[in-house]
Amino acid sequence: MRLKISLLVVFCSLLLLQGTKAHAVILKKPEDALKGVFRNAAIEVKNIILRPEQVAEIEKISGMRQNERLVSFYEAKRDNKIVGYAFIESHIVRTKPETLLYSLHPDGSIDRIEVLSFNEPMEYLPQDRWLGLFKDKSIDRDPIRLRRDISGITGATLTAKAITDGSRRVLAIWKVLFGGQDEILRKGK
């Protein structure tokens, strides 16, 4: 009888543990998302180690801390012409990570944002319609602030804040690396 009770307790514990993992969902592989965004384009990954002055400029532009000095981005080309950029960013929402693909137009404005993985409960997952609010947003033209030009998500405020903050950080990285800021920093030395 004790063995049956012990097995029942172990079985129930395993079910509970699996339940905590059940909402850890990989929605899309990065390579599949990139191919979907940049159809028929050659995609090249580039890794850049940011200089301290670049980190400072990213933080100034975005209003966010830039903890990583290594930045990986994807450059998409068709017929040797840049058709866009993409950044994959992971961050903690509440206590668990989410990973997003930010795809940008050649001018550095947001084309779209895709959720690649989401480890928080699925009721906090943003809808595509809400992610569409970021389309064509630019760090130069738009504040990209929650409850200003980006509406919140009822019941998922932390998710909305994490994605909004990530957008500003990604756009600031693009601006420093590709939008002329890097040249300004070089001339200032």
Protein backbone atom coordinates (compact mmCIF):
# COMPACT_ATOMS: atom_id res chain seq x y z
CA MET A 1 0.00 0.00 0.00
CA ARG A 2 2.83 2.42 0.86
CA LEU A 3 4.47 1.64 -2.47
CA LYS A 4 1.28 2.55 -4.33
CA ILE A 5 0.96 5.81 -2.40
CA SER A 6 4.63 6.61 -3.03
CA LEU A 7 4.25 5.91 -6.74
CA LEU A 8 1.12 8.03 -6.84
CA VAL A 9 2.96 10.92 -5.13
CA VAL A 10 5.90 10.59 -7.56
CA PHE A 11 3.54 10.44 -10.54
CA CYS A 12 1.60 13.52 -9.38
CA SER A 13 4.87 15.37 -8.75
CA LEU A 14 6.05 14.58 -12.27
CA LEU A 15 2.77 15.83 -13.68
CA LEU A 16 3.13 19.06 -11.74
CA LEU A 17 6.72 19.49 -12.92
CA GLN A 18 5.70 18.86 -16.51
CA GLY A 19 2.94 21.42 -16.08
CA THR A 20 5.50 24.09 -15.28
CA LYS A 21 7.37 23.25 -18.44
CA ALA A 22 4.25 22.94 -20.58
CA HIS A 23 4.09 26.64 -21.34
CA ALA A 24 7.75 26.84 -22.40
CA VAL A 25 7.05 27.00 -26.12
CA ILE A 26 9.37 27.37 -29.07
CA LEU A 27 7.12 28.90 -31.68
CA LYS A 28 9.57 29.19 -34.54
CA LYS A 29 13.19 28.33 -35.27
CA PRO A 30 15.31 31.42 -35.98
CA GLU A 31 16.41 30.14 -39.39
CA ASP A 32 12.79 29.49 -40.43
CA ALA A 33 11.72 32.95 -39.26
CA LEU A 34 14.60 34.60 -41.15
CA LYS A 35 13.76 32.71 -44.35
CA GLY A 36 10.12 33.75 -43.97
CA VAL A 37 10.97 37.42 -43.50
CA PHE A 38 13.64 37.67 -46.19
CA ARG A 39 12.38 35.37 -48.95
CA ASN A 40 14.92 34.59 -51.68
CA ALA A 41 17.59 36.69 -49.96
CA ALA A 42 21.12 35.73 -48.99
CA ILE A 43 21.31 36.04 -45.22
CA GLU A 44 24.63 36.53 -43.51
CA VAL A 45 25.20 36.59 -39.77
CA LYS A 46 27.61 39.21 -38.49
CA ASN A 47 29.08 39.43 -35.02
CA ILE A 48 30.40 42.74 -33.76
CA ILE A 49 32.07 43.53 -30.46
CA LEU A 50 30.85 46.96 -29.45
CA ARG A 51 33.40 49.52 -28.36
CA PRO A 52 32.72 51.28 -25.04
CA GLU A 53 31.73 54.50 -26.83
CA GLN A 54 29.24 52.55 -28.98
CA VAL A 55 27.72 50.99 -25.85
CA ALA A 56 27.40 54.46 -24.30
CA GLU A 57 25.71 55.82 -27.44
CA ILE A 58 23.28 52.87 -27.60
CA GLU A 59 22.36 53.46 -23.97
CA LYS A 60 21.91 57.19 -24.57
CA ILE A 61 19.69 56.69 -27.64
CA SER A 62 17.58 53.85 -26.21
CA GLY A 63 17.42 54.88 -22.58
CA MET A 64 18.19 51.23 -21.80
CA ARG A 65 21.23 49.42 -20.44
CA GLN A 66 23.25 47.56 -23.04
CA ASN A 67 24.79 44.71 -21.06
CA GLU A 68 26.22 42.75 -23.97
CA ARG A 69 29.20 43.95 -25.94
CA LEU A 70 28.87 41.14 -28.51
CA VAL A 71 26.05 41.90 -30.93
CA SER A 72 24.91 39.41 -33.56
CA PHE A 73 22.76 40.55 -36.42
CA TYR A 74 21.65 39.27 -39.78
CA GLU A 75 22.06 41.18 -43.00
CA ALA A 76 19.78 40.15 -45.88
CA LYS A 77 20.75 40.91 -49.49
CA ARG A 78 19.20 40.38 -52.90
CA ASP A 79 21.32 41.13 -55.96
CA ASN A 80 24.02 42.54 -53.65
CA LYS A 81 21.57 45.12 -52.27
CA ILE A 82 20.64 45.17 -48.59
CA VAL A 83 16.94 44.40 -48.19
CA GLY A 84 16.90 44.34 -44.41
CA TYR A 85 18.45 43.48 -41.10
CA ALA A 86 17.37 41.25 -38.26
CA PHE A 87 18.30 40.98 -34.62
CA ILE A 88 17.41 38.15 -32.30
CA GLU A 89 16.99 39.31 -28.74
CA SER A 90 16.28 37.30 -25.61
CA HIS A 91 15.22 38.87 -22.35
CA ILE A 92 13.42 37.99 -19.14
CA VAL A 93 9.77 39.00 -18.97
CA ARG A 94 8.76 38.14 -15.40
CA THR A 95 10.97 35.27 -14.39
CA LYS A 96 11.34 33.43 -17.69
CA PRO A 97 12.84 34.31 -21.05
CA GLU A 98 11.26 35.16 -24.34
CA THR A 99 13.12 35.38 -27.63
CA LEU A 100 12.10 37.74 -30.41
CA LEU A 101 13.15 38.34 -33.98
CA TYR A 102 13.17 42.04 -34.84
CA SER A 103 13.34 42.52 -38.60
CA LEU A 104 14.21 45.98 -39.87
CA HIS A 105 13.87 47.77 -43.19
CA PRO A 106 17.13 49.02 -44.75
CA ASP A 107 16.38 52.49 -43.29
CA GLY A 108 16.36 51.06 -39.76
CA SER A 109 12.61 51.16 -39.14
CA ILE A 110 10.85 48.06 -37.86
CA ASP A 111 9.39 45.76 -40.48
CA ARG A 112 7.97 43.26 -38.00
CA ILE A 113 8.52 41.50 -34.72
CA GLU A 114 8.09 37.76 -34.33
CA VAL A 115 8.03 35.78 -31.10
CA LEU A 116 10.40 32.83 -31.48
CA SER A 117 10.02 31.38 -27.99
CA PHE A 118 7.90 32.29 -25.03
CA ASN A 119 8.38 30.66 -21.64
CA GLU A 120 5.81 32.60 -19.65
CA PRO A 121 2.19 31.38 -19.48
CA MET A 122 0.60 31.55 -22.93
CA GLU A 123 -2.09 34.02 -21.82
CA TYR A 124 0.71 36.64 -21.71
CA LEU A 125 1.80 35.95 -25.30
CA PRO A 126 1.29 39.09 -27.40
CA GLN A 127 -1.05 38.89 -30.38
CA ASP A 128 0.21 39.60 -33.90
CA ARG A 129 -2.12 42.60 -34.04
CA TRP A 130 -0.38 44.18 -31.05
CA LEU A 131 3.08 43.41 -32.48
CA GLY A 132 1.90 45.20 -35.64
CA LEU A 133 1.86 48.48 -33.68
CA PHE A 134 5.65 48.54 -34.07
CA LYS A 135 5.56 48.43 -37.89
CA ASP A 136 7.56 51.27 -39.43
CA LYS A 137 8.56 52.66 -36.02
CA SER A 138 11.96 54.35 -36.03
CA ILE A 139 14.17 55.50 -33.17
CA ASP A 140 14.52 58.91 -34.85
CA ARG A 141 10.81 59.58 -35.45
CA ASP A 142 8.96 57.76 -32.69
CA PRO A 143 9.21 57.67 -28.90
CA ILE A 144 8.43 53.91 -28.84
CA ARG A 145 7.15 54.11 -25.29
CA LEU A 146 4.50 51.99 -23.66
CA ARG A 147 1.24 53.92 -23.19
CA ARG A 148 2.45 56.73 -25.46
CA ASP A 149 2.66 55.49 -29.04
CA ILE A 150 2.45 51.79 -28.05
CA SER A 151 -0.69 50.71 -26.20
CA GLY A 152 -0.39 48.21 -23.37
CA ILE A 153 -1.61 44.64 -23.29
CA THR A 154 -4.32 44.08 -20.69
CA GLY A 155 -3.05 41.51 -18.22
CA ALA A 156 0.40 41.33 -19.82
CA THR A 157 2.03 44.64 -18.92
CA LEU A 158 5.47 43.11 -18.32
CA THR A 159 5.44 41.41 -21.72
CA ALA A 160 4.48 44.68 -23.41
CA LYS A 161 7.20 46.58 -21.55
CA ALA A 162 9.88 43.99 -22.36
CA ILE A 163 9.07 44.04 -26.08
CA THR A 164 8.83 47.84 -26.21
CA ASP A 165 12.14 48.26 -24.38
CA GLY A 166 13.74 45.63 -26.62
CA SER A 167 12.54 47.52 -29.69
CA ARG A 168 14.23 50.72 -28.57
CA ARG A 169 17.45 48.84 -27.79
CA VAL A 170 17.50 47.04 -31.17
CA LEU A 171 16.79 50.26 -33.07
CA ALA A 172 19.53 52.07 -31.14
CA ILE A 173 21.99 49.27 -31.98
CA TRP A 174 21.04 49.56 -35.66
CA LYS A 175 21.46 53.33 -35.57
CA VAL A 176 24.90 53.15 -33.98
CA LEU A 177 26.13 50.38 -36.29
CA PHE A 178 24.45 51.32 -39.59
CA GLY A 179 22.71 54.67 -39.27
CA GLY A 180 25.62 57.07 -39.20
CA GLN A 181 26.24 57.21 -35.46
CA ASP A 182 29.34 55.01 -35.73
CA GLU A 183 30.86 57.49 -38.20
CA ILE A 184 30.07 60.39 -35.87
CA LEU A 185 31.78 58.58 -33.01
CA ARG A 186 34.87 57.92 -35.17
CA LYS A 187 35.12 61.59 -36.18
CA GLY A 188 34.77 62.67 -32.56
CA LYS A 189 37.96 60.84 -31.55
